[in-house]
Amino acid sequence: MASGVGHKYGVLRWSKTGKKTIEGTAAGITSVLAACSVLLPLLASTGYIVTEHWISILVAVTVSGLLEAYTTQLDNAFIPLVFYSLLCL
């Protein structure tokens, strides 16, 4: 989602030499939050998870999205670890 929106509609780049755009990052963060808004209540209703921690999810998604915008290497290994660590706080 982030890549498609950034490629098609992205105007504001995070850096002069980078390819990643602010619009793409915002689309990525928004799409993950939208998926969470559907999946979390569903998982909570089935008893798979006990509570829905929206603040920790919002922080984890936003920080991970911004971190992804600034990394060029190791993002597929590093960002999920950061995301999970933030969810555990």
N, C-alpha and C. Protein backbone atom coordinates (compact mmCIF):
# COMPACT_ATOMS: atom_id res chain seq x y z
N MET A 1 0.83 -1.18 0.00
CA MET A 1 0.00 0.00 0.00
C MET A 1 0.88 1.26 0.00
N ALA A 2 1.85 1.28 0.91
CA ALA A 2 2.71 2.46 1.03
C ALA A 2 3.49 2.71 -0.26
N SER A 3 4.01 1.65 -0.81
CA SER A 3 4.81 1.79 -2.03
C SER A 3 3.96 2.29 -3.20
N GLY A 4 2.77 1.73 -3.36
CA GLY A 4 1.90 2.13 -4.46
C GLY A 4 1.45 3.58 -4.35
N VAL A 5 1.03 3.99 -3.17
CA VAL A 5 0.60 5.38 -2.97
C VAL A 5 1.78 6.32 -3.12
N GLY A 6 2.91 5.95 -2.53
CA GLY A 6 4.09 6.80 -2.64
C GLY A 6 4.57 6.96 -4.06
N HIS A 7 4.49 5.88 -4.83
CA HIS A 7 4.94 5.95 -6.22
C HIS A 7 3.99 6.78 -7.08
N LYS A 8 2.69 6.61 -6.86
CA LYS A 8 1.72 7.29 -7.71
C LYS A 8 1.44 8.73 -7.27
N TYR A 9 1.31 8.94 -5.96
CA TYR A 9 0.89 10.25 -5.47
C TYR A 9 1.97 10.99 -4.68
N GLY A 10 3.09 10.32 -4.43
CA GLY A 10 4.12 10.91 -3.58
C GLY A 10 4.79 12.13 -4.20
N VAL A 11 4.82 13.20 -3.45
CA VAL A 11 5.46 14.43 -3.90
C VAL A 11 6.57 14.83 -2.92
N LEU A 12 6.27 14.75 -1.64
CA LEU A 12 7.20 15.18 -0.60
C LEU A 12 8.10 14.02 -0.18
N ARG A 13 9.36 14.11 -0.50
CA ARG A 13 10.31 13.05 -0.16
C ARG A 13 10.89 13.29 1.23
N TRP A 14 11.23 12.18 1.91
CA TRP A 14 11.83 12.30 3.24
C TRP A 14 13.22 12.90 3.14
N SER A 15 13.95 12.59 2.07
CA SER A 15 15.27 13.18 1.86
C SER A 15 15.43 13.47 0.37
N LYS A 16 16.39 14.28 0.06
CA LYS A 16 16.58 14.67 -1.34
C LYS A 16 17.04 13.50 -2.20
N THR A 17 17.78 12.57 -1.61
CA THR A 17 18.31 11.45 -2.40
C THR A 17 17.47 10.19 -2.27
N GLY A 18 16.55 10.14 -1.30
CA GLY A 18 15.75 8.94 -1.07
C GLY A 18 14.56 8.83 -1.99
N LYS A 19 14.00 7.62 -2.04
CA LYS A 19 12.82 7.37 -2.88
C LYS A 19 11.54 7.40 -2.07
N LYS A 20 11.63 7.27 -0.76
CA LYS A 20 10.44 7.17 0.08
C LYS A 20 9.81 8.53 0.30
N THR A 21 8.47 8.54 0.26
CA THR A 21 7.75 9.80 0.38
C THR A 21 6.91 9.84 1.65
N ILE A 22 6.58 11.03 2.06
CA ILE A 22 5.74 11.23 3.23
C ILE A 22 4.34 10.68 2.97
N GLU A 23 3.85 10.85 1.76
CA GLU A 23 2.52 10.33 1.41
C GLU A 23 2.49 8.80 1.49
N GLY A 24 3.54 8.16 1.03
CA GLY A 24 3.61 6.71 1.10
C GLY A 24 3.67 6.21 2.54
N THR A 25 4.44 6.90 3.37
CA THR A 25 4.52 6.53 4.78
C THR A 25 3.17 6.70 5.46
N ALA A 26 2.50 7.80 5.19
CA ALA A 26 1.18 8.04 5.78
C ALA A 26 0.18 6.98 5.33
N ALA A 27 0.25 6.58 4.07
CA ALA A 27 -0.64 5.54 3.55
C ALA A 27 -0.35 4.20 4.21
N GLY A 28 0.92 3.90 4.42
CA GLY A 28 1.29 2.66 5.07
C GLY A 28 0.79 2.59 6.50
N ILE A 29 0.99 3.68 7.25
CA ILE A 29 0.52 3.74 8.63
C ILE A 29 -1.00 3.63 8.68
N THR A 30 -1.67 4.35 7.80
CA THR A 30 -3.14 4.33 7.78
C THR A 30 -3.67 2.95 7.42
N SER A 31 -3.05 2.27 6.47
CA SER A 31 -3.53 0.95 6.08
C SER A 31 -3.33 -0.08 7.18
N VAL A 32 -2.24 0.00 7.91
CA VAL A 32 -2.02 -0.93 9.02
C VAL A 32 -3.03 -0.67 10.14
N LEU A 33 -3.28 0.60 10.43
CA LEU A 33 -4.27 0.93 11.46
C LEU A 33 -5.67 0.49 11.03
N ALA A 34 -5.98 0.61 9.76
CA ALA A 34 -7.29 0.15 9.27
C ALA A 34 -7.42 -1.37 9.40
N ALA A 35 -6.35 -2.08 9.08
CA ALA A 35 -6.38 -3.54 9.24
C ALA A 35 -6.53 -3.92 10.71
N CYS A 36 -5.85 -3.21 11.58
CA CYS A 36 -5.98 -3.47 13.02
C CYS A 36 -7.39 -3.18 13.52
N SER A 37 -8.01 -2.16 12.97
CA SER A 37 -9.37 -1.82 13.43
C SER A 37 -10.38 -2.90 13.05
N VAL A 38 -10.07 -3.69 12.03
CA VAL A 38 -10.94 -4.80 11.64
C VAL A 38 -10.55 -6.07 12.40
N LEU A 39 -9.26 -6.35 12.46
CA LEU A 39 -8.80 -7.61 13.03
C LEU A 39 -8.88 -7.68 14.55
N LEU A 40 -8.56 -6.60 15.24
CA LEU A 40 -8.56 -6.65 16.70
C LEU A 40 -9.92 -6.95 17.30
N PRO A 41 -10.98 -6.26 16.91
CA PRO A 41 -12.29 -6.63 17.47
C PRO A 41 -12.69 -8.07 17.11
N LEU A 42 -12.32 -8.52 15.93
CA LEU A 42 -12.64 -9.89 15.52
C LEU A 42 -11.90 -10.89 16.41
N LEU A 43 -10.62 -10.65 16.64
CA LEU A 43 -9.84 -11.55 17.50
C LEU A 43 -10.31 -11.49 18.94
N ALA A 44 -10.71 -10.30 19.39
CA ALA A 44 -11.21 -10.17 20.76
C ALA A 44 -12.54 -10.89 20.93
N SER A 45 -13.38 -10.87 19.93
CA SER A 45 -14.69 -11.54 20.03
C SER A 45 -14.56 -13.06 20.05
N THR A 46 -13.50 -13.59 19.46
CA THR A 46 -13.31 -15.04 19.46
C THR A 46 -12.55 -15.51 20.69
N GLY A 47 -12.05 -14.59 21.49
CA GLY A 47 -11.30 -14.95 22.68
C GLY A 47 -9.83 -15.21 22.42
N TYR A 48 -9.38 -14.97 21.20
CA TYR A 48 -7.97 -15.19 20.88
C TYR A 48 -7.08 -14.21 21.62
N ILE A 49 -7.53 -12.97 21.73
CA ILE A 49 -6.85 -11.98 22.57
C ILE A 49 -7.84 -11.49 23.61
N VAL A 50 -7.31 -11.08 24.75
CA VAL A 50 -8.18 -10.71 25.86
C VAL A 50 -8.59 -9.24 25.79
N THR A 51 -7.64 -8.37 25.52
CA THR A 51 -7.94 -6.94 25.50
C THR A 51 -7.41 -6.31 24.22
N GLU A 52 -7.93 -5.15 23.94
CA GLU A 52 -7.48 -4.37 22.79
C GLU A 52 -6.75 -3.14 23.32
N HIS A 53 -5.46 -3.06 23.08
CA HIS A 53 -4.65 -1.94 23.55
C HIS A 53 -4.40 -0.99 22.38
N TRP A 54 -5.33 -0.08 22.17
CA TRP A 54 -5.25 0.81 21.00
C TRP A 54 -4.10 1.80 21.08
N ILE A 55 -3.77 2.27 22.28
CA ILE A 55 -2.67 3.24 22.40
C ILE A 55 -1.35 2.58 22.03
N SER A 56 -1.10 1.39 22.54
CA SER A 56 0.16 0.71 22.21
C SER A 56 0.22 0.36 20.72
N ILE A 57 -0.91 0.01 20.14
CA ILE A 57 -0.93 -0.29 18.71
C ILE A 57 -0.66 0.96 17.89
N LEU A 58 -1.28 2.07 18.28
CA LEU A 58 -1.06 3.33 17.57
C LEU A 58 0.40 3.75 17.64
N VAL A 59 0.99 3.64 18.80
CA VAL A 59 2.41 4.01 18.96
C VAL A 59 3.30 3.06 18.16
N ALA A 60 3.06 1.76 18.26
CA ALA A 60 3.89 0.78 17.56
C ALA A 60 3.81 0.95 16.05
N VAL A 61 2.61 1.15 15.53
CA VAL A 61 2.43 1.31 14.08
C VAL A 61 3.09 2.61 13.60
N THR A 62 2.89 3.69 14.33
CA THR A 62 3.45 4.98 13.91
C THR A 62 4.97 4.97 13.97
N VAL A 63 5.54 4.49 15.07
CA VAL A 63 7.00 4.45 15.19
C VAL A 63 7.60 3.52 14.14
N SER A 64 7.00 2.37 13.94
CA SER A 64 7.51 1.44 12.94
C SER A 64 7.41 2.02 11.52
N GLY A 65 6.33 2.72 11.23
CA GLY A 65 6.18 3.35 9.92
C GLY A 65 7.22 4.43 9.68
N LEU A 66 7.45 5.24 10.70
CA LEU A 66 8.47 6.29 10.56
C LEU A 66 9.87 5.70 10.49
N LEU A 67 10.11 4.64 11.26
CA LEU A 67 11.41 3.98 11.20
C LEU A 67 11.65 3.37 9.83
N GLU A 68 10.62 2.79 9.25
CA GLU A 68 10.74 2.22 7.91
C GLU A 68 11.06 3.29 6.88
N ALA A 69 10.58 4.49 7.09
CA ALA A 69 10.85 5.57 6.14
C ALA A 69 12.31 5.97 6.16
N TYR A 70 12.98 5.78 7.29
CA TYR A 70 14.37 6.22 7.41
C TYR A 70 15.39 5.12 7.18
N THR A 71 14.98 3.86 7.17
CA THR A 71 15.95 2.78 6.97
C THR A 71 16.04 2.42 5.50
N THR A 72 17.22 1.99 5.11
CA THR A 72 17.42 1.53 3.74
C THR A 72 17.76 0.05 3.70
N GLN A 73 18.39 -0.45 4.73
CA GLN A 73 18.78 -1.85 4.81
C GLN A 73 18.26 -2.45 6.11
N LEU A 74 18.10 -3.74 6.13
CA LEU A 74 17.69 -4.50 7.31
C LEU A 74 16.29 -4.17 7.82
N ASP A 75 15.50 -3.49 7.03
CA ASP A 75 14.17 -3.13 7.52
C ASP A 75 13.25 -4.34 7.65
N ASN A 76 13.44 -5.37 6.83
CA ASN A 76 12.57 -6.55 6.93
C ASN A 76 12.87 -7.38 8.18
N ALA A 77 14.08 -7.26 8.71
CA ALA A 77 14.43 -8.00 9.92
C ALA A 77 14.26 -7.14 11.17
N PHE A 78 14.59 -5.88 11.07
CA PHE A 78 14.66 -5.01 12.23
C PHE A 78 13.31 -4.43 12.63
N ILE A 79 12.53 -3.97 11.68
CA ILE A 79 11.27 -3.29 11.98
C ILE A 79 10.24 -4.21 12.65
N PRO A 80 10.07 -5.46 12.25
CA PRO A 80 9.15 -6.33 13.00
C PRO A 80 9.57 -6.53 14.46
N LEU A 81 10.87 -6.57 14.70
CA LEU A 81 11.34 -6.70 16.09
C LEU A 81 11.01 -5.45 16.90
N VAL A 82 11.19 -4.30 16.30
CA VAL A 82 10.83 -3.05 16.97
C VAL A 82 9.33 -2.99 17.20
N PHE A 83 8.55 -3.36 16.21
CA PHE A 83 7.09 -3.36 16.32
C PHE A 83 6.63 -4.25 17.46
N TYR A 84 7.15 -5.47 17.52
CA TYR A 84 6.75 -6.39 18.57
C TYR A 84 7.20 -5.90 19.94
N SER A 85 8.39 -5.33 20.01
CA SER A 85 8.88 -4.79 21.28
C SER A 85 7.99 -3.65 21.78
N LEU A 86 7.55 -2.82 20.88
CA LEU A 86 6.67 -1.72 21.28
C LEU A 86 5.29 -2.22 21.72
N LEU A 87 4.82 -3.28 21.10
CA LEU A 87 3.53 -3.85 21.51
C LEU A 87 3.62 -4.48 22.90
N CYS A 88 4.78 -4.96 23.26
CA CYS A 88 4.95 -5.61 24.56
C CYS A 88 5.11 -4.62 25.71
N LEU A 89 5.29 -3.35 25.41
CA LEU A 89 5.46 -2.36 26.49
C LEU A 89 4.18 -2.12 27.24
